[in-house]
């Protein structure tokens, strides 16, 4: 189970709405939604707040299953293919005017994550 699924499961087990958890953690409802969908990763401070509130370790939250790690590696391999990069660029170009500001930020975060993990 990935981080987002764990956050959602913990929230639902306490019968909390996303906005209620956002208030508890001091962030926005959109941030909670992004965490649960794995579009964004909580910063260290927020991760610590989640851990403390749900009485679970940060290690529990962040430890991923081997299956998800393999899928991530396969996705990275696919992105590394030069043709796929051209397709990604073409799609971003084609649909860039349709993205909301939040979606644009999510894409930027994803690209920065990829660069940090694979290029720098």
PDB file of N, CA and C in Angstrom:
ATOM      1  N   UNK A   1       0.856  -1.177   0.000  1.00  0.00           N
ATOM      2  CA  UNK A   1       0.000   0.000   0.000  1.00  0.00           C
ATOM      3  C   UNK A   1       0.897   1.233   0.000  1.00  0.00           C
ATOM      4  N   UNK A   2       0.559   2.216  -0.822  1.00  0.00           N
ATOM      5  CA  UNK A   2       1.379   3.427  -0.908  1.00  0.00           C
ATOM      6  C   UNK A   2       0.939   4.468   0.134  1.00  0.00           C
ATOM      7  N   UNK A   3       1.719   5.539   0.212  1.00  0.00           N
ATOM      8  CA  UNK A   3       1.476   6.584   1.210  1.00  0.00           C
ATOM      9  C   UNK A   3       0.066   7.156   1.105  1.00  0.00           C
ATOM     10  N   UNK A   4      -0.362   7.493  -0.097  1.00  0.00           N
ATOM     11  CA  UNK A   4      -1.687   8.081  -0.272  1.00  0.00           C
ATOM     12  C   UNK A   4      -2.797   7.160   0.196  1.00  0.00           C
ATOM     13  N   UNK A   5      -2.687   5.890  -0.146  1.00  0.00           N
ATOM     14  CA  UNK A   5      -3.699   4.913   0.272  1.00  0.00           C
ATOM     15  C   UNK A   5      -3.712   4.764   1.787  1.00  0.00           C
ATOM     16  N   UNK A   6      -2.546   4.825   2.404  1.00  0.00           N
ATOM     17  CA  UNK A   6      -2.472   4.712   3.870  1.00  0.00           C
ATOM     18  C   UNK A   6      -3.121   5.921   4.540  1.00  0.00           C
ATOM     19  N   UNK A   7      -2.839   7.118   4.014  1.00  0.00           N
ATOM     20  CA  UNK A   7      -3.445   8.324   4.591  1.00  0.00           C
ATOM     21  C   UNK A   7      -4.964   8.251   4.468  1.00  0.00           C
ATOM     22  N   UNK A   8      -5.443   7.854   3.297  1.00  0.00           N
ATOM     23  CA  UNK A   8      -6.886   7.764   3.089  1.00  0.00           C
ATOM     24  C   UNK A   8      -7.506   6.714   4.023  1.00  0.00           C
ATOM     25  N   UNK A   9      -6.873   5.569   4.122  1.00  0.00           N
ATOM     26  CA  UNK A   9      -7.390   4.510   4.995  1.00  0.00           C
ATOM     27  C   UNK A   9      -7.448   4.967   6.453  1.00  0.00           C
ATOM     28  N   UNK A  10      -6.391   5.619   6.920  1.00  0.00           N
ATOM     29  CA  UNK A  10      -6.374   6.113   8.297  1.00  0.00           C
ATOM     30  C   UNK A  10      -7.473   7.156   8.513  1.00  0.00           C
ATOM     31  N   UNK A  11      -7.635   8.046   7.544  1.00  0.00           N
ATOM     32  CA  UNK A  11      -8.674   9.086   7.641  1.00  0.00           C
ATOM     33  C   UNK A  11     -10.064   8.466   7.696  1.00  0.00           C
ATOM     34  N   UNK A  12     -10.313   7.513   6.803  1.00  0.00           N
ATOM     35  CA  UNK A  12     -11.633   6.875   6.761  1.00  0.00           C
ATOM     36  C   UNK A  12     -11.901   6.051   8.014  1.00  0.00           C
ATOM     37  N   UNK A  13     -10.869   5.419   8.557  1.00  0.00           N
ATOM     38  CA  UNK A  13     -11.037   4.646   9.792  1.00  0.00           C
ATOM     39  C   UNK A  13     -11.477   5.531  10.956  1.00  0.00           C
ATOM     40  N   UNK A  14     -11.074   6.800  10.923  1.00  0.00           N
ATOM     41  CA  UNK A  14     -11.502   7.764  11.955  1.00  0.00           C
ATOM     42  C   UNK A  14     -12.768   8.505  11.544  1.00  0.00           C
ATOM     43  N   UNK A  15     -13.316   8.122  10.387  1.00  0.00           N
ATOM     44  CA  UNK A  15     -14.530   8.726   9.854  1.00  0.00           C
ATOM     45  C   UNK A  15     -14.407  10.244   9.716  1.00  0.00           C
ATOM     46  N   UNK A  16     -13.258  10.661   9.163  1.00  0.00           N
ATOM     47  CA  UNK A  16     -13.014  12.076   8.935  1.00  0.00           C
ATOM     48  C   UNK A  16     -13.209  12.419   7.463  1.00  0.00           C
ATOM     49  N   UNK A  17     -13.717  13.604   7.202  1.00  0.00           N
ATOM     50  CA  UNK A  17     -13.746  14.137   5.845  1.00  0.00           C
ATOM     51  C   UNK A  17     -12.380  14.731   5.544  1.00  0.00           C
ATOM     52  N   UNK A  18     -12.076  14.890   4.269  1.00  0.00           N
ATOM     53  CA  UNK A  18     -10.793  15.494   3.904  1.00  0.00           C
ATOM     54  C   UNK A  18     -10.635  16.879   4.516  1.00  0.00           C
ATOM     55  N   UNK A  19     -11.716  17.672   4.510  1.00  0.00           N
ATOM     56  CA  UNK A  19     -11.615  19.023   5.058  1.00  0.00           C
ATOM     57  C   UNK A  19     -11.362  18.995   6.564  1.00  0.00           C
ATOM     58  N   UNK A  20     -11.911  17.978   7.256  1.00  0.00           N
ATOM     59  CA  UNK A  20     -11.667  17.867   8.696  1.00  0.00           C
ATOM     60  C   UNK A  20     -10.202  17.544   8.980  1.00  0.00           C
ATOM     61  N   UNK A  21      -9.641  16.615   8.203  1.00  0.00           N
ATOM     62  CA  UNK A  21      -8.230  16.272   8.382  1.00  0.00           C
ATOM     63  C   UNK A  21      -7.355  17.471   8.021  1.00  0.00           C
ATOM     64  N   UNK A  22      -7.745  18.204   6.989  1.00  0.00           N
ATOM     65  CA  UNK A  22      -6.986  19.393   6.590  1.00  0.00           C
ATOM     66  C   UNK A  22      -6.939  20.412   7.734  1.00  0.00           C
ATOM     67  N   UNK A  23      -8.061  20.615   8.403  1.00  0.00           N
ATOM     68  CA  UNK A  23      -8.113  21.543   9.533  1.00  0.00           C
ATOM     69  C   UNK A  23      -7.202  21.059  10.655  1.00  0.00           C
ATOM     70  N   UNK A  24      -7.248  19.784  10.944  1.00  0.00           N
ATOM     71  CA  UNK A  24      -6.419  19.199  12.008  1.00  0.00           C
ATOM     72  C   UNK A  24      -4.936  19.390  11.696  1.00  0.00           C
ATOM     73  N   UNK A  25      -4.568  19.172  10.433  1.00  0.00           N
ATOM     74  CA  UNK A  25      -3.157  19.234  10.037  1.00  0.00           C
ATOM     75  C   UNK A  25      -2.696  20.647   9.681  1.00  0.00           C
ATOM     76  N   UNK A  26      -3.653  21.568   9.508  1.00  0.00           N
ATOM     77  CA  UNK A  26      -3.294  22.937   9.151  1.00  0.00           C
ATOM     78  C   UNK A  26      -2.901  23.095   7.691  1.00  0.00           C
ATOM     79  N   UNK A  27      -3.603  22.366   6.832  1.00  0.00           N
ATOM     80  CA  UNK A  27      -3.343  22.490   5.396  1.00  0.00           C
ATOM     81  C   UNK A  27      -4.692  22.568   4.672  1.00  0.00           C
ATOM     82  N   UNK A  28      -4.662  22.594   3.355  1.00  0.00           N
ATOM     83  CA  UNK A  28      -5.906  22.711   2.599  1.00  0.00           C
ATOM     84  C   UNK A  28      -6.515  21.340   2.302  1.00  0.00           C
ATOM     85  N   UNK A  29      -7.798  21.354   2.013  1.00  0.00           N
ATOM     86  CA  UNK A  29      -8.498  20.141   1.604  1.00  0.00           C
ATOM     87  C   UNK A  29      -7.893  19.600   0.303  1.00  0.00           C
ATOM     88  N   UNK A  30      -7.500  20.511  -0.593  1.00  0.00           N
ATOM     89  CA  UNK A  30      -6.875  20.107  -1.852  1.00  0.00           C
ATOM     90  C   UNK A  30      -5.556  19.382  -1.598  1.00  0.00           C
ATOM     91  N   UNK A  31      -4.823  19.823  -0.585  1.00  0.00           N
ATOM     92  CA  UNK A  31      -3.558  19.153  -0.248  1.00  0.00           C
ATOM     93  C   UNK A  31      -3.830  17.715   0.189  1.00  0.00           C
ATOM     94  N   UNK A  32      -4.844  17.520   1.031  1.00  0.00           N
ATOM     95  CA  UNK A  32      -5.187  16.167   1.482  1.00  0.00           C
ATOM     96  C   UNK A  32      -5.569  15.309   0.281  1.00  0.00           C
ATOM     97  N   UNK A  33      -6.376  15.849  -0.591  1.00  0.00           N
ATOM     98  CA  UNK A  33      -6.774  15.125  -1.796  1.00  0.00           C
ATOM     99  C   UNK A  33      -5.553  14.746  -2.630  1.00  0.00           C
ATOM    100  N   UNK A  34      -4.628  15.677  -2.779  1.00  0.00           N
ATOM    101  CA  UNK A  34      -3.408  15.409  -3.556  1.00  0.00           C
ATOM    102  C   UNK A  34      -2.540  14.346  -2.898  1.00  0.00           C
ATOM    103  N   UNK A  35      -2.462  14.367  -1.579  1.00  0.00           N
ATOM    104  CA  UNK A  35      -1.688  13.341  -0.865  1.00  0.00           C
ATOM    105  C   UNK A  35      -2.320  11.969  -1.088  1.00  0.00           C
ATOM    106  N   UNK A  36      -3.641  11.907  -0.925  1.00  0.00           N
ATOM    107  CA  UNK A  36      -4.332  10.622  -1.035  1.00  0.00           C
ATOM    108  C   UNK A  36      -4.267  10.048  -2.441  1.00  0.00           C
ATOM    109  N   UNK A  37      -4.177  10.907  -3.439  1.00  0.00           N
ATOM    110  CA  UNK A  37      -4.086  10.434  -4.826  1.00  0.00           C
ATOM    111  C   UNK A  37      -2.632  10.304  -5.290  1.00  0.00           C
ATOM    112  N   UNK A  38      -1.705  10.529  -4.366  1.00  0.00           N
ATOM    113  CA  UNK A  38      -0.268  10.446  -4.653  1.00  0.00           C
ATOM    114  C   UNK A  38       0.175  11.429  -5.725  1.00  0.00           C
ATOM    115  N   UNK A  39      -0.528  12.563  -5.829  1.00  0.00           N
ATOM    116  CA  UNK A  39      -0.095  13.620  -6.737  1.00  0.00           C
ATOM    117  C   UNK A  39       1.000  14.454  -6.086  1.00  0.00           C
ATOM    118  N   UNK A  40       0.942  14.526  -4.768  1.00  0.00           N
ATOM    119  CA  UNK A  40       1.936  15.259  -3.986  1.00  0.00           C
ATOM    120  C   UNK A  40       2.292  14.431  -2.761  1.00  0.00           C
ATOM    121  N   UNK A  41       3.478  14.705  -2.250  1.00  0.00           N
ATOM    122  CA  UNK A  41       3.926  14.059  -1.024  1.00  0.00           C
ATOM    123  C   UNK A  41       3.965  15.108   0.076  1.00  0.00           C
ATOM    124  N   UNK A  42       3.440  14.778   1.246  1.00  0.00           N
ATOM    125  CA  UNK A  42       3.485  15.755   2.337  1.00  0.00           C
ATOM    126  C   UNK A  42       4.933  16.098   2.694  1.00  0.00           C
ATOM    127  N   UNK A  43       5.161  17.360   3.087  1.00  0.00           N
ATOM    128  CA  UNK A  43       6.495  17.720   3.553  1.00  0.00           C
ATOM    129  C   UNK A  43       6.746  17.042   4.904  1.00  0.00           C
ATOM    130  N   UNK A  44       7.963  17.125   5.386  1.00  0.00           N
ATOM    131  CA  UNK A  44       8.349  16.420   6.611  1.00  0.00           C
ATOM    132  C   UNK A  44       7.487  16.852   7.791  1.00  0.00           C
ATOM    133  N   UNK A  45       7.223  18.145   7.907  1.00  0.00           N
ATOM    134  CA  UNK A  45       6.411  18.649   9.011  1.00  0.00           C
ATOM    135  C   UNK A  45       4.996  18.050   8.969  1.00  0.00           C
ATOM    136  N   UNK A  46       4.391  18.055   7.797  1.00  0.00           N
ATOM    137  CA  UNK A  46       3.035  17.503   7.652  1.00  0.00           C
ATOM    138  C   UNK A  46       3.043  15.992   7.884  1.00  0.00           C
ATOM    139  N   UNK A  47       4.066  15.329   7.384  1.00  0.00           N
ATOM    140  CA  UNK A  47       4.185  13.887   7.589  1.00  0.00           C
ATOM    141  C   UNK A  47       4.269  13.560   9.083  1.00  0.00           C
ATOM    142  N   UNK A  48       5.004  14.366   9.820  1.00  0.00           N
ATOM    143  CA  UNK A  48       5.092  14.176  11.270  1.00  0.00           C
ATOM    144  C   UNK A  48       3.751  14.412  11.955  1.00  0.00           C
ATOM    145  N   UNK A  49       2.996  15.418  11.469  1.00  0.00           N
ATOM    146  CA  UNK A  49       1.671  15.688  12.032  1.00  0.00           C
ATOM    147  C   UNK A  49       0.720  14.512  11.760  1.00  0.00           C
ATOM    148  N   UNK A  50       0.774  13.974  10.555  1.00  0.00           N
ATOM    149  CA  UNK A  50      -0.066  12.822  10.200  1.00  0.00           C
ATOM    150  C   UNK A  50       0.277  11.640  11.095  1.00  0.00           C
ATOM    151  N   UNK A  51       1.564  11.398  11.244  1.00  0.00           N
ATOM    152  CA  UNK A  51       2.047  10.298  12.071  1.00  0.00           C
ATOM    153  C   UNK A  51       1.560  10.441  13.513  1.00  0.00           C
ATOM    154  N   UNK A  52       1.708  11.635  14.057  1.00  0.00           N
ATOM    155  CA  UNK A  52       1.308  11.873  15.449  1.00  0.00           C
ATOM    156  C   UNK A  52      -0.201  11.755  15.622  1.00  0.00           C
ATOM    157  N   UNK A  53      -0.968  12.349  14.702  1.00  0.00           N
ATOM    158  CA  UNK A  53      -2.419  12.326  14.834  1.00  0.00           C
ATOM    159  C   UNK A  53      -2.975  10.903  14.778  1.00  0.00           C
ATOM    160  N   UNK A  54      -2.472  10.112  13.842  1.00  0.00           N
ATOM    161  CA  UNK A  54      -2.992   8.749  13.682  1.00  0.00           C
ATOM    162  C   UNK A  54      -2.238   7.721  14.525  1.00  0.00           C
ATOM    163  N   UNK A  55      -1.245   8.193  15.278  1.00  0.00           N
ATOM    164  CA  UNK A  55      -0.467   7.329  16.165  1.00  0.00           C
ATOM    165  C   UNK A  55       0.186   6.159  15.401  1.00  0.00           C
ATOM    166  N   UNK A  56       0.801   6.506  14.277  1.00  0.00           N
ATOM    167  CA  UNK A  56       1.560   5.529  13.485  1.00  0.00           C
ATOM    168  C   UNK A  56       2.938   6.131  13.231  1.00  0.00           C
ATOM    169  N   UNK A  57       3.891   5.293  12.890  1.00  0.00           N
ATOM    170  CA  UNK A  57       5.238   5.795  12.627  1.00  0.00           C
ATOM    171  C   UNK A  57       5.326   6.384  11.218  1.00  0.00           C
ATOM    172  N   UNK A  58       6.266   7.297  11.049  1.00  0.00           N
ATOM    173  CA  UNK A  58       6.544   7.838   9.712  1.00  0.00           C
ATOM    174  C   UNK A  58       7.015   6.704   8.814  1.00  0.00           C
ATOM    175  N   UNK A  59       7.765   5.769   9.385  1.00  0.00           N
ATOM    176  CA  UNK A  59       8.238   4.613   8.622  1.00  0.00           C
ATOM    177  C   UNK A  59       7.058   3.820   8.066  1.00  0.00           C
ATOM    178  N   UNK A  60       6.033   3.611   8.882  1.00  0.00           N
ATOM    179  CA  UNK A  60       4.845   2.896   8.400  1.00  0.00           C
ATOM    180  C   UNK A  60       4.223   3.639   7.215  1.00  0.00           C
ATOM    181  N   UNK A  61       4.119   4.955   7.342  1.00  0.00           N
ATOM    182  CA  UNK A  61       3.489   5.741   6.287  1.00  0.00           C
ATOM    183  C   UNK A  61       4.290   5.709   4.993  1.00  0.00           C
ATOM    184  N   UNK A  62       5.591   5.792   5.107  1.00  0.00           N
ATOM    185  CA  UNK A  62       6.423   5.961   3.915  1.00  0.00           C
ATOM    186  C   UNK A  62       6.942   4.663   3.321  1.00  0.00           C
ATOM    187  N   UNK A  63       6.916   3.588   4.087  1.00  0.00           N
ATOM    188  CA  UNK A  63       7.407   2.317   3.559  1.00  0.00           C
ATOM    189  C   UNK A  63       6.417   1.816   2.509  1.00  0.00           C
ATOM    190  N   UNK A  64       6.928   1.549   1.332  1.00  0.00           N
ATOM    191  CA  UNK A  64       6.093   1.127   0.217  1.00  0.00           C
ATOM    192  C   UNK A  64       6.235  -0.371  -0.004  1.00  0.00           C
ATOM    193  N   UNK A  65       5.252  -0.955  -0.625  1.00  0.00           N
ATOM    194  CA  UNK A  65       5.342  -2.365  -0.946  1.00  0.00           C
ATOM    195  C   UNK A  65       6.279  -2.572  -2.121  1.00  0.00           C
ATOM    196  N   UNK A  66       6.869  -3.740  -2.209  1.00  0.00           N
ATOM    197  CA  UNK A  66       7.789  -4.056  -3.302  1.00  0.00           C
ATOM    198  C   UNK A  66       7.092  -3.920  -4.657  1.00  0.00           C
ATOM    199  N   UNK A  67       5.829  -4.283  -4.721  1.00  0.00           N
ATOM    200  CA  UNK A  67       5.079  -4.208  -5.979  1.00  0.00           C
ATOM    201  C   UNK A  67       5.033  -2.776  -6.506  1.00  0.00           C
ATOM    202  N   UNK A  68       4.795  -1.815  -5.631  1.00  0.00           N
ATOM    203  CA  UNK A  68       4.741  -0.414  -6.063  1.00  0.00           C
ATOM    204  C   UNK A  68       6.102   0.095  -6.495  1.00  0.00           C
ATOM    205  N   UNK A  69       7.156  -0.369  -5.829  1.00  0.00           N
ATOM    206  CA  UNK A  69       8.505   0.044  -6.198  1.00  0.00           C
ATOM    207  C   UNK A  69       8.833  -0.463  -7.599  1.00  0.00           C
ATOM    208  N   UNK A  70       8.459  -1.703  -7.899  1.00  0.00           N
ATOM    209  CA  UNK A  70       8.701  -2.263  -9.234  1.00  0.00           C
ATOM    210  C   UNK A  70       7.937  -1.456 -10.280  1.00  0.00           C
ATOM    211  N   UNK A  71       6.675  -1.112  -9.998  1.00  0.00           N
ATOM    212  CA  UNK A  71       5.883  -0.315 -10.943  1.00  0.00           C
ATOM    213  C   UNK A  71       6.528   1.048 -11.187  1.00  0.00           C
ATOM    214  N   UNK A  72       7.055   1.655 -10.129  1.00  0.00           N
ATOM    215  CA  UNK A  72       7.706   2.955 -10.264  1.00  0.00           C
ATOM    216  C   UNK A  72       8.944   2.838 -11.149  1.00  0.00           C
ATOM    217  N   UNK A  73       9.736   1.801 -10.935  1.00  0.00           N
ATOM    218  CA  UNK A  73      10.930   1.601 -11.762  1.00  0.00           C
ATOM    219  C   UNK A  73      10.557   1.380 -13.222  1.00  0.00           C
ATOM    220  N   UNK A  74       9.476   0.647 -13.470  1.00  0.00           N
ATOM    221  CA  UNK A  74       9.028   0.428 -14.841  1.00  0.00           C
ATOM    222  C   UNK A  74       8.573   1.745 -15.480  1.00  0.00           C
ATOM    223  N   UNK A  75       7.906   2.581 -14.713  1.00  0.00           N
ATOM    224  CA  UNK A  75       7.459   3.877 -15.232  1.00  0.00           C
ATOM    225  C   UNK A  75       8.658   4.754 -15.570  1.00  0.00           C
ATOM    226  N   UNK A  76       9.670   4.733 -14.722  1.00  0.00           N
ATOM    227  CA  UNK A  76      10.876   5.520 -14.981  1.00  0.00           C
ATOM    228  C   UNK A  76      11.566   5.029 -16.244  1.00  0.00           C
ATOM    229  N   UNK A  77      11.653   3.725 -16.405  1.00  0.00           N
ATOM    230  CA  UNK A  77      12.258   3.167 -17.613  1.00  0.00           C
ATOM    231  C   UNK A  77      11.489   3.637 -18.847  1.00  0.00           C
ATOM    232  N   UNK A  78      10.183   3.615 -18.749  1.00  0.00           N
ATOM    233  CA  UNK A  78       9.347   4.036 -19.874  1.00  0.00           C
ATOM    234  C   UNK A  78       9.563   5.509 -20.200  1.00  0.00           C
ATOM    235  N   UNK A  79       9.641   6.350 -19.175  1.00  0.00           N
ATOM    236  CA  UNK A  79       9.853   7.779 -19.388  1.00  0.00           C
ATOM    237  C   UNK A  79      11.225   8.036 -19.994  1.00  0.00           C
ATOM    238  N   UNK A  80      12.208   7.216 -19.650  1.00  0.00           N
ATOM    239  CA  UNK A  80      13.557   7.401 -20.179  1.00  0.00           C
ATOM    240  C   UNK A  80      13.630   7.179 -21.682  1.00  0.00           C
ATOM    241  N   UNK A  81      12.686   6.467 -22.243  1.00  0.00           N
ATOM    242  CA  UNK A  81      12.681   6.222 -23.671  1.00  0.00           C
ATOM    243  C   UNK A  81      12.491   7.560 -24.387  1.00  0.00           C
ATOM    244  N   UNK A  82      13.395   7.874 -25.303  1.00  0.00           N
ATOM    245  CA  UNK A  82      13.395   9.173 -25.978  1.00  0.00           C
ATOM    246  C   UNK A  82      12.073   9.465 -26.675  1.00  0.00           C
ATOM    247  N   UNK A  83      11.476   8.464 -27.312  1.00  0.00           N
ATOM    248  CA  UNK A  83      10.200   8.675 -27.989  1.00  0.00           C
ATOM    249  C   UNK A  83       9.105   9.045 -27.004  1.00  0.00           C
ATOM    250  N   UNK A  84       9.139   8.419 -25.834  1.00  0.00           N
ATOM    251  CA  UNK A  84       8.133   8.737 -24.823  1.00  0.00           C
ATOM    252  C   UNK A  84       8.279  10.173 -24.338  1.00  0.00           C
ATOM    253  N   UNK A  85       9.511  10.640 -24.224  1.00  0.00           N
ATOM    254  CA  UNK A  85       9.714  12.027 -23.798  1.00  0.00           C
ATOM    255  C   UNK A  85       9.125  12.998 -24.814  1.00  0.00           C
ATOM    256  N   UNK A  86       9.305  12.700 -26.076  1.00  0.00           N
ATOM    257  CA  UNK A  86       8.730  13.552 -27.111  1.00  0.00           C
ATOM    258  C   UNK A  86       7.209  13.533 -27.035  1.00  0.00           C
ATOM    259  N   UNK A  87       6.641  12.361 -26.759  1.00  0.00           N
ATOM    260  CA  UNK A  87       5.181  12.252 -26.628  1.00  0.00           C
ATOM    261  C   UNK A  87       4.686  13.029 -25.416  1.00  0.00           C
ATOM    262  N   UNK A  88       5.416  12.927 -24.303  1.00  0.00           N
ATOM    263  CA  UNK A  88       5.037  13.656 -23.088  1.00  0.00           C
ATOM    264  C   UNK A  88       5.070  15.157 -23.362  1.00  0.00           C
ATOM    265  N   UNK A  89       6.138  15.624 -23.985  1.00  0.00           N
ATOM    266  CA  UNK A  89       6.259  17.044 -24.302  1.00  0.00           C
ATOM    267  C   UNK A  89       5.114  17.489 -25.213  1.00  0.00           C
ATOM    268  N   UNK A  90       4.807  16.684 -26.212  1.00  0.00           N
ATOM    269  CA  UNK A  90       3.739  17.011 -27.146  1.00  0.00           C
ATOM    270  C   UNK A  90       2.390  17.110 -26.431  1.00  0.00           C
ATOM    271  N   UNK A  91       2.126  16.166 -25.527  1.00  0.00           N
ATOM    272  CA  UNK A  91       0.863  16.195 -24.780  1.00  0.00           C
ATOM    273  C   UNK A  91       0.789  17.405 -23.857  1.00  0.00           C
ATOM    274  N   UNK A  92       1.890  17.706 -23.179  1.00  0.00           N
ATOM    275  CA  UNK A  92       1.903  18.875 -22.306  1.00  0.00           C
ATOM    276  C   UNK A  92       1.641  20.148 -23.104  1.00  0.00           C
ATOM    277  N   UNK A  93       2.277  20.233 -24.247  1.00  0.00           N
ATOM    278  CA  UNK A  93       2.085  21.386 -25.122  1.00  0.00           C
ATOM    279  C   UNK A  93       0.632  21.490 -25.584  1.00  0.00           C
ATOM    280  N   UNK A  94       0.087  20.368 -25.995  1.00  0.00           N
ATOM    281  CA  UNK A  94      -1.266  20.333 -26.552  1.00  0.00           C
ATOM    282  C   UNK A  94      -2.322  20.737 -25.523  1.00  0.00           C
ATOM    283  N   UNK A  95      -2.162  20.276 -24.285  1.00  0.00           N
ATOM    284  CA  UNK A  95      -3.197  20.474 -23.287  1.00  0.00           C
ATOM    285  C   UNK A  95      -2.858  21.509 -22.211  1.00  0.00           C
ATOM    286  N   UNK A  96      -1.750  22.197 -22.339  1.00  0.00           N
ATOM    287  CA  UNK A  96      -1.305  23.109 -21.284  1.00  0.00           C
ATOM    288  C   UNK A  96      -2.338  24.185 -20.951  1.00  0.00           C
ATOM    289  N   UNK A  97      -3.088  24.641 -21.929  1.00  0.00           N
ATOM    290  CA  UNK A  97      -4.080  25.681 -21.653  1.00  0.00           C
ATOM    291  C   UNK A  97      -5.316  25.150 -20.928  1.00  0.00           C
ATOM    292  N   UNK A  98      -5.424  23.842 -20.793  1.00  0.00           N
ATOM    293  CA  UNK A  98      -6.582  23.243 -20.104  1.00  0.00           C
ATOM    294  C   UNK A  98      -6.299  22.917 -18.641  1.00  0.00           C
ATOM    295  N   UNK A  99      -5.019  22.980 -18.236  1.00  0.00           N
ATOM    296  CA  UNK A  99      -4.660  22.648 -16.862  1.00  0.00           C
ATOM    297  C   UNK A  99      -5.072  23.763 -15.921  1.00  0.00           C
ATOM    298  N   UNK A 100      -5.574  23.379 -14.757  1.00  0.00           N
ATOM    299  CA  UNK A 100      -5.779  24.363 -13.704  1.00  0.00           C
ATOM    300  C   UNK A 100      -4.408  24.695 -13.130  1.00  0.00           C
ATOM    301  N   UNK A 101      -4.351  25.730 -12.345  1.00  0.00           N
ATOM    302  CA  UNK A 101      -3.082  26.099 -11.713  1.00  0.00           C
ATOM    303  C   UNK A 101      -2.572  24.934 -10.848  1.00  0.00           C
ATOM    304  N   UNK A 102      -3.472  24.298 -10.102  1.00  0.00           N
ATOM    305  CA  UNK A 102      -3.073  23.179  -9.239  1.00  0.00           C
ATOM    306  C   UNK A 102      -2.542  22.010 -10.080  1.00  0.00           C
ATOM    307  N   UNK A 103      -3.210  21.709 -11.173  1.00  0.00           N
ATOM    308  CA  UNK A 103      -2.742  20.628 -12.038  1.00  0.00           C
ATOM    309  C   UNK A 103      -1.363  20.948 -12.614  1.00  0.00           C
ATOM    310  N   UNK A 104      -1.171  22.205 -13.001  1.00  0.00           N
ATOM    311  CA  UNK A 104       0.140  22.630 -13.499  1.00  0.00           C
ATOM    312  C   UNK A 104       1.208  22.469 -12.436  1.00  0.00           C
ATOM    313  N   UNK A 105       0.860  22.823 -11.189  1.00  0.00           N
ATOM    314  CA  UNK A 105       1.804  22.650 -10.079  1.00  0.00           C
ATOM    315  C   UNK A 105       2.100  21.177  -9.833  1.00  0.00           C
ATOM    316  N   UNK A 106       1.063  20.339  -9.950  1.00  0.00           N
ATOM    317  CA  UNK A 106       1.265  18.893  -9.772  1.00  0.00           C
ATOM    318  C   UNK A 106       2.224  18.346 -10.826  1.00  0.00           C
ATOM    319  N   UNK A 107       2.051  18.780 -12.067  1.00  0.00           N
ATOM    320  CA  UNK A 107       2.948  18.339 -13.142  1.00  0.00           C
ATOM    321  C   UNK A 107       4.365  18.830 -12.904  1.00  0.00           C
ATOM    322  N   UNK A 108       4.493  20.065 -12.479  1.00  0.00           N
ATOM    323  CA  UNK A 108       5.813  20.620 -12.177  1.00  0.00           C
ATOM    324  C   UNK A 108       6.481  19.813 -11.071  1.00  0.00           C
ATOM    325  N   UNK A 109       5.717  19.496 -10.009  1.00  0.00           N
ATOM    326  CA  UNK A 109       6.256  18.699  -8.903  1.00  0.00           C
ATOM    327  C   UNK A 109       6.698  17.325  -9.380  1.00  0.00           C
ATOM    328  N   UNK A 110       5.901  16.713 -10.240  1.00  0.00           N
ATOM    329  CA  UNK A 110       6.238  15.392 -10.762  1.00  0.00           C
ATOM    330  C   UNK A 110       7.522  15.439 -11.575  1.00  0.00           C
ATOM    331  N   UNK A 111       7.650  16.444 -12.421  1.00  0.00           N
ATOM    332  CA  UNK A 111       8.857  16.574 -13.245  1.00  0.00           C
ATOM    333  C   UNK A 111      10.076  16.838 -12.359  1.00  0.00           C
ATOM    334  N   UNK A 112       9.921  17.708 -11.348  1.00  0.00           N
ATOM    335  CA  UNK A 112      11.035  17.982 -10.436  1.00  0.00           C
ATOM    336  C   UNK A 112      11.434  16.719  -9.678  1.00  0.00           C
ATOM    337  N   UNK A 113      10.443  15.947  -9.233  1.00  0.00           N
ATOM    338  CA  UNK A 113      10.729  14.679  -8.550  1.00  0.00           C
ATOM    339  C   UNK A 113      11.529  13.762  -9.470  1.00  0.00           C
ATOM    340  N   UNK A 114      11.108  13.652 -10.714  1.00  0.00           N
ATOM    341  CA  UNK A 114      11.781  12.784 -11.670  1.00  0.00           C
ATOM    342  C   UNK A 114      13.224  13.236 -11.892  1.00  0.00           C
ATOM    343  N   UNK A 115      13.421  14.529 -12.055  1.00  0.00           N
ATOM    344  CA  UNK A 115      14.768  15.056 -12.283  1.00  0.00           C
ATOM    345  C   UNK A 115      15.642  14.801 -11.061  1.00  0.00           C
ATOM    346  N   UNK A 116      15.118  15.086  -9.863  1.00  0.00           N
ATOM    347  CA  UNK A 116      15.886  14.849  -8.639  1.00  0.00           C
ATOM    348  C   UNK A 116      16.289  13.385  -8.497  1.00  0.00           C
ATOM    349  N   UNK A 117      15.384  12.501  -8.835  1.00  0.00           N
ATOM    350  CA  UNK A 117      15.625  11.080  -8.636  1.00  0.00           C
ATOM    351  C   UNK A 117      16.540  10.501  -9.711  1.00  0.00           C
ATOM    352  N   UNK A 118      16.484  11.022 -10.925  1.00  0.00           N
ATOM    353  CA  UNK A 118      17.147  10.347 -12.041  1.00  0.00           C
ATOM    354  C   UNK A 118      18.235  11.130 -12.755  1.00  0.00           C
ATOM    355  N   UNK A 119      18.253  12.437 -12.621  1.00  0.00           N
ATOM    356  CA  UNK A 119      19.181  13.201 -13.438  1.00  0.00           C
ATOM    357  C   UNK A 119      20.247  13.902 -12.617  1.00  0.00           C
ATOM    358  N   UNK A 120      19.876  14.517 -11.510  1.00  0.00           N
ATOM    359  CA  UNK A 120      20.839  15.293 -10.717  1.00  0.00           C
ATOM    360  C   UNK A 120      21.879  14.406 -10.088  1.00  0.00           C
TER     361      UNK A 120
END
